[in-house]
């Protein structure tokens, strides 16, 4: 859905406590989390029409966000 939030807390509410713990205790997780958040914000701006890059650029951002989400989710599940 356009402009919909995809931050990890909204995407994985059942892991809210694990996400917070990992953000405070794991610098690598924190770095990836911040990058994911920045990508999500950038994608929402594109979807809302605030920024208008090429479609291929938007798709690359979405792929990168999905890859980060998968990596972060793997870290959450093993924590």
N, C-alpha and C. Protein backbone atom coordinates (compact mmCIF):
# COMPACT_ATOMS: atom_id res chain seq x y z
N UNK A 1 0.84 -1.17 0.00
CA UNK A 1 0.00 0.00 0.00
C UNK A 1 0.89 1.24 0.00
N UNK A 2 0.52 2.24 -0.78
CA UNK A 2 1.34 3.43 -0.91
C UNK A 2 1.39 4.23 0.39
N UNK A 3 2.61 4.64 0.75
CA UNK A 3 2.80 5.44 1.94
C UNK A 3 2.67 4.69 3.25
N UNK A 4 2.45 3.39 3.17
CA UNK A 4 2.28 2.59 4.38
C UNK A 4 3.62 2.41 5.09
N UNK A 5 3.57 2.48 6.41
CA UNK A 5 4.78 2.28 7.20
C UNK A 5 5.21 0.82 7.15
N UNK A 6 6.49 0.63 6.95
CA UNK A 6 7.05 -0.71 6.96
C UNK A 6 8.17 -0.83 7.99
N UNK A 7 8.18 0.06 8.98
CA UNK A 7 9.22 -0.05 9.99
C UNK A 7 9.06 -1.37 10.74
N UNK A 8 10.14 -1.82 11.34
CA UNK A 8 10.14 -3.16 11.94
C UNK A 8 9.13 -3.33 13.05
N UNK A 9 8.88 -2.31 13.82
CA UNK A 9 7.91 -2.43 14.91
C UNK A 9 6.51 -2.67 14.33
N UNK A 10 6.16 -2.01 13.23
CA UNK A 10 4.86 -2.23 12.60
C UNK A 10 4.83 -3.56 11.85
N UNK A 11 5.95 -3.95 11.27
CA UNK A 11 6.01 -5.19 10.50
C UNK A 11 6.06 -6.42 11.40
N UNK A 12 6.75 -6.29 12.53
CA UNK A 12 6.95 -7.44 13.43
C UNK A 12 6.60 -7.07 14.87
N UNK A 13 5.36 -6.69 15.14
CA UNK A 13 5.00 -6.21 16.48
C UNK A 13 5.22 -7.26 17.57
N UNK A 14 5.14 -8.53 17.22
CA UNK A 14 5.32 -9.58 18.22
C UNK A 14 6.78 -9.69 18.69
N UNK A 15 7.70 -9.03 17.97
CA UNK A 15 9.12 -9.06 18.33
C UNK A 15 9.60 -7.70 18.86
N UNK A 16 8.67 -6.87 19.28
CA UNK A 16 9.00 -5.51 19.72
C UNK A 16 10.08 -5.51 20.81
N UNK A 17 9.94 -6.37 21.81
CA UNK A 17 10.91 -6.40 22.90
C UNK A 17 12.28 -6.86 22.43
N UNK A 18 12.32 -7.88 21.58
CA UNK A 18 13.60 -8.37 21.05
C UNK A 18 14.28 -7.30 20.21
N UNK A 19 13.49 -6.57 19.42
CA UNK A 19 14.06 -5.51 18.58
C UNK A 19 14.70 -4.44 19.46
N UNK A 20 14.00 -4.02 20.48
CA UNK A 20 14.55 -2.99 21.39
C UNK A 20 15.81 -3.47 22.09
N UNK A 21 15.80 -4.71 22.54
CA UNK A 21 16.97 -5.27 23.21
C UNK A 21 18.16 -5.33 22.26
N UNK A 22 17.93 -5.82 21.06
CA UNK A 22 19.01 -5.90 20.08
C UNK A 22 19.54 -4.53 19.70
N UNK A 23 18.67 -3.55 19.56
CA UNK A 23 19.12 -2.19 19.23
C UNK A 23 20.05 -1.65 20.30
N UNK A 24 19.81 -2.01 21.55
CA UNK A 24 20.62 -1.49 22.65
C UNK A 24 21.89 -2.31 22.86
N UNK A 25 21.90 -3.56 22.45
CA UNK A 25 23.03 -4.43 22.80
C UNK A 25 23.88 -4.87 21.62
N UNK A 26 23.43 -4.64 20.39
CA UNK A 26 24.14 -5.15 19.22
C UNK A 26 24.33 -4.01 18.22
N UNK A 27 25.56 -3.53 18.12
CA UNK A 27 25.86 -2.38 17.24
C UNK A 27 25.58 -2.69 15.77
N UNK A 28 25.86 -3.92 15.34
CA UNK A 28 25.60 -4.30 13.95
C UNK A 28 24.09 -4.27 13.67
N UNK A 29 23.31 -4.81 14.57
CA UNK A 29 21.85 -4.77 14.43
C UNK A 29 21.38 -3.32 14.38
N UNK A 30 21.90 -2.51 15.28
CA UNK A 30 21.50 -1.10 15.34
C UNK A 30 21.80 -0.39 14.01
N UNK A 31 22.96 -0.66 13.44
CA UNK A 31 23.35 -0.04 12.17
C UNK A 31 22.40 -0.48 11.05
N UNK A 32 22.12 -1.78 10.97
CA UNK A 32 21.21 -2.28 9.95
C UNK A 32 19.79 -1.76 10.17
N UNK A 33 19.37 -1.70 11.42
CA UNK A 33 18.05 -1.18 11.77
C UNK A 33 17.91 0.27 11.30
N UNK A 34 18.92 1.08 11.57
CA UNK A 34 18.88 2.49 11.16
C UNK A 34 18.86 2.62 9.64
N UNK A 35 19.63 1.79 8.96
CA UNK A 35 19.64 1.81 7.49
C UNK A 35 18.27 1.41 6.95
N UNK A 36 17.67 0.38 7.55
CA UNK A 36 16.33 -0.06 7.15
C UNK A 36 15.33 1.09 7.34
N UNK A 37 15.39 1.74 8.48
CA UNK A 37 14.48 2.84 8.78
C UNK A 37 14.65 3.97 7.76
N UNK A 38 15.89 4.31 7.43
CA UNK A 38 16.15 5.37 6.46
C UNK A 38 15.59 5.00 5.08
N UNK A 39 15.80 3.76 4.67
CA UNK A 39 15.26 3.30 3.38
C UNK A 39 13.73 3.37 3.37
N UNK A 40 13.12 2.92 4.46
CA UNK A 40 11.66 2.95 4.54
C UNK A 40 11.14 4.37 4.42
N UNK A 41 11.81 5.29 5.10
CA UNK A 41 11.40 6.69 5.04
C UNK A 41 11.54 7.23 3.61
N UNK A 42 12.63 6.90 2.96
CA UNK A 42 12.87 7.35 1.59
C UNK A 42 11.82 6.77 0.63
N UNK A 43 11.49 5.51 0.79
CA UNK A 43 10.49 4.87 -0.06
C UNK A 43 9.11 5.50 0.16
N UNK A 44 8.76 5.79 1.40
CA UNK A 44 7.47 6.43 1.67
C UNK A 44 7.39 7.80 1.03
N UNK A 45 8.49 8.55 1.04
CA UNK A 45 8.50 9.87 0.40
C UNK A 45 8.27 9.73 -1.10
N UNK A 46 8.83 8.70 -1.70
CA UNK A 46 8.63 8.46 -3.13
C UNK A 46 7.18 8.08 -3.39
N UNK A 47 6.65 7.18 -2.59
CA UNK A 47 5.27 6.72 -2.77
C UNK A 47 4.25 7.84 -2.57
N UNK A 48 4.58 8.79 -1.72
CA UNK A 48 3.68 9.91 -1.46
C UNK A 48 3.86 11.03 -2.49
N UNK A 49 4.80 10.88 -3.41
CA UNK A 49 5.01 11.87 -4.46
C UNK A 49 5.87 13.04 -4.05
N UNK A 50 6.48 12.97 -2.88
CA UNK A 50 7.35 14.06 -2.42
C UNK A 50 8.65 14.06 -3.23
N UNK A 51 9.12 12.87 -3.57
CA UNK A 51 10.29 12.71 -4.43
C UNK A 51 9.83 11.88 -5.63
N UNK A 52 10.44 12.13 -6.79
CA UNK A 52 10.00 11.43 -8.00
C UNK A 52 11.18 10.89 -8.81
N UNK A 53 11.89 9.91 -8.27
CA UNK A 53 13.00 9.31 -9.02
C UNK A 53 12.48 8.33 -10.07
N UNK A 54 13.40 7.78 -10.83
CA UNK A 54 13.06 6.74 -11.80
C UNK A 54 12.46 5.53 -11.09
N UNK A 55 11.57 4.83 -11.77
CA UNK A 55 10.95 3.63 -11.20
C UNK A 55 11.98 2.58 -10.84
N UNK A 56 13.01 2.44 -11.67
CA UNK A 56 14.03 1.42 -11.40
C UNK A 56 14.76 1.71 -10.09
N UNK A 57 14.97 2.98 -9.78
CA UNK A 57 15.62 3.36 -8.52
C UNK A 57 14.72 3.00 -7.34
N UNK A 58 13.43 3.28 -7.47
CA UNK A 58 12.48 2.96 -6.41
C UNK A 58 12.45 1.46 -6.16
N UNK A 59 12.47 0.68 -7.22
CA UNK A 59 12.45 -0.78 -7.08
C UNK A 59 13.73 -1.29 -6.40
N UNK A 60 14.85 -0.69 -6.72
CA UNK A 60 16.11 -1.08 -6.07
C UNK A 60 16.06 -0.79 -4.58
N UNK A 61 15.49 0.34 -4.20
CA UNK A 61 15.35 0.68 -2.78
C UNK A 61 14.47 -0.35 -2.07
N UNK A 62 13.38 -0.73 -2.72
CA UNK A 62 12.48 -1.72 -2.12
C UNK A 62 13.15 -3.07 -1.96
N UNK A 63 13.96 -3.46 -2.94
CA UNK A 63 14.70 -4.73 -2.85
C UNK A 63 15.70 -4.68 -1.70
N UNK A 64 16.39 -3.55 -1.59
CA UNK A 64 17.36 -3.40 -0.50
C UNK A 64 16.67 -3.43 0.86
N UNK A 65 15.52 -2.78 0.96
CA UNK A 65 14.76 -2.79 2.22
C UNK A 65 14.34 -4.22 2.57
N UNK A 66 13.90 -4.98 1.60
CA UNK A 66 13.49 -6.36 1.83
C UNK A 66 14.67 -7.22 2.28
N UNK A 67 15.82 -7.02 1.65
CA UNK A 67 17.02 -7.77 2.04
C UNK A 67 17.40 -7.45 3.49
N UNK A 68 17.36 -6.18 3.84
CA UNK A 68 17.67 -5.78 5.21
C UNK A 68 16.67 -6.36 6.19
N UNK A 69 15.40 -6.35 5.82
CA UNK A 69 14.36 -6.91 6.69
C UNK A 69 14.63 -8.39 6.94
N UNK A 70 14.98 -9.11 5.88
CA UNK A 70 15.28 -10.54 6.03
C UNK A 70 16.47 -10.76 6.96
N UNK A 71 17.51 -9.94 6.79
CA UNK A 71 18.70 -10.07 7.63
C UNK A 71 18.37 -9.73 9.09
N UNK A 72 17.64 -8.66 9.29
CA UNK A 72 17.27 -8.26 10.64
C UNK A 72 16.38 -9.30 11.29
N UNK A 73 15.43 -9.85 10.52
CA UNK A 73 14.54 -10.86 11.06
C UNK A 73 15.33 -12.11 11.48
N UNK A 74 16.31 -12.47 10.68
CA UNK A 74 17.17 -13.61 11.04
C UNK A 74 17.89 -13.36 12.35
N UNK A 75 18.37 -12.15 12.55
CA UNK A 75 19.05 -11.80 13.80
C UNK A 75 18.07 -11.83 14.96
N UNK A 76 16.86 -11.37 14.73
CA UNK A 76 15.84 -11.38 15.80
C UNK A 76 15.51 -12.81 16.19
N UNK A 77 15.33 -13.67 15.22
CA UNK A 77 14.94 -15.06 15.49
C UNK A 77 16.03 -15.83 16.24
N UNK A 78 17.30 -15.50 16.02
CA UNK A 78 18.39 -16.22 16.68
C UNK A 78 18.75 -15.60 18.02
N UNK A 79 18.18 -14.43 18.33
CA UNK A 79 18.51 -13.76 19.60
C UNK A 79 17.78 -14.42 20.76
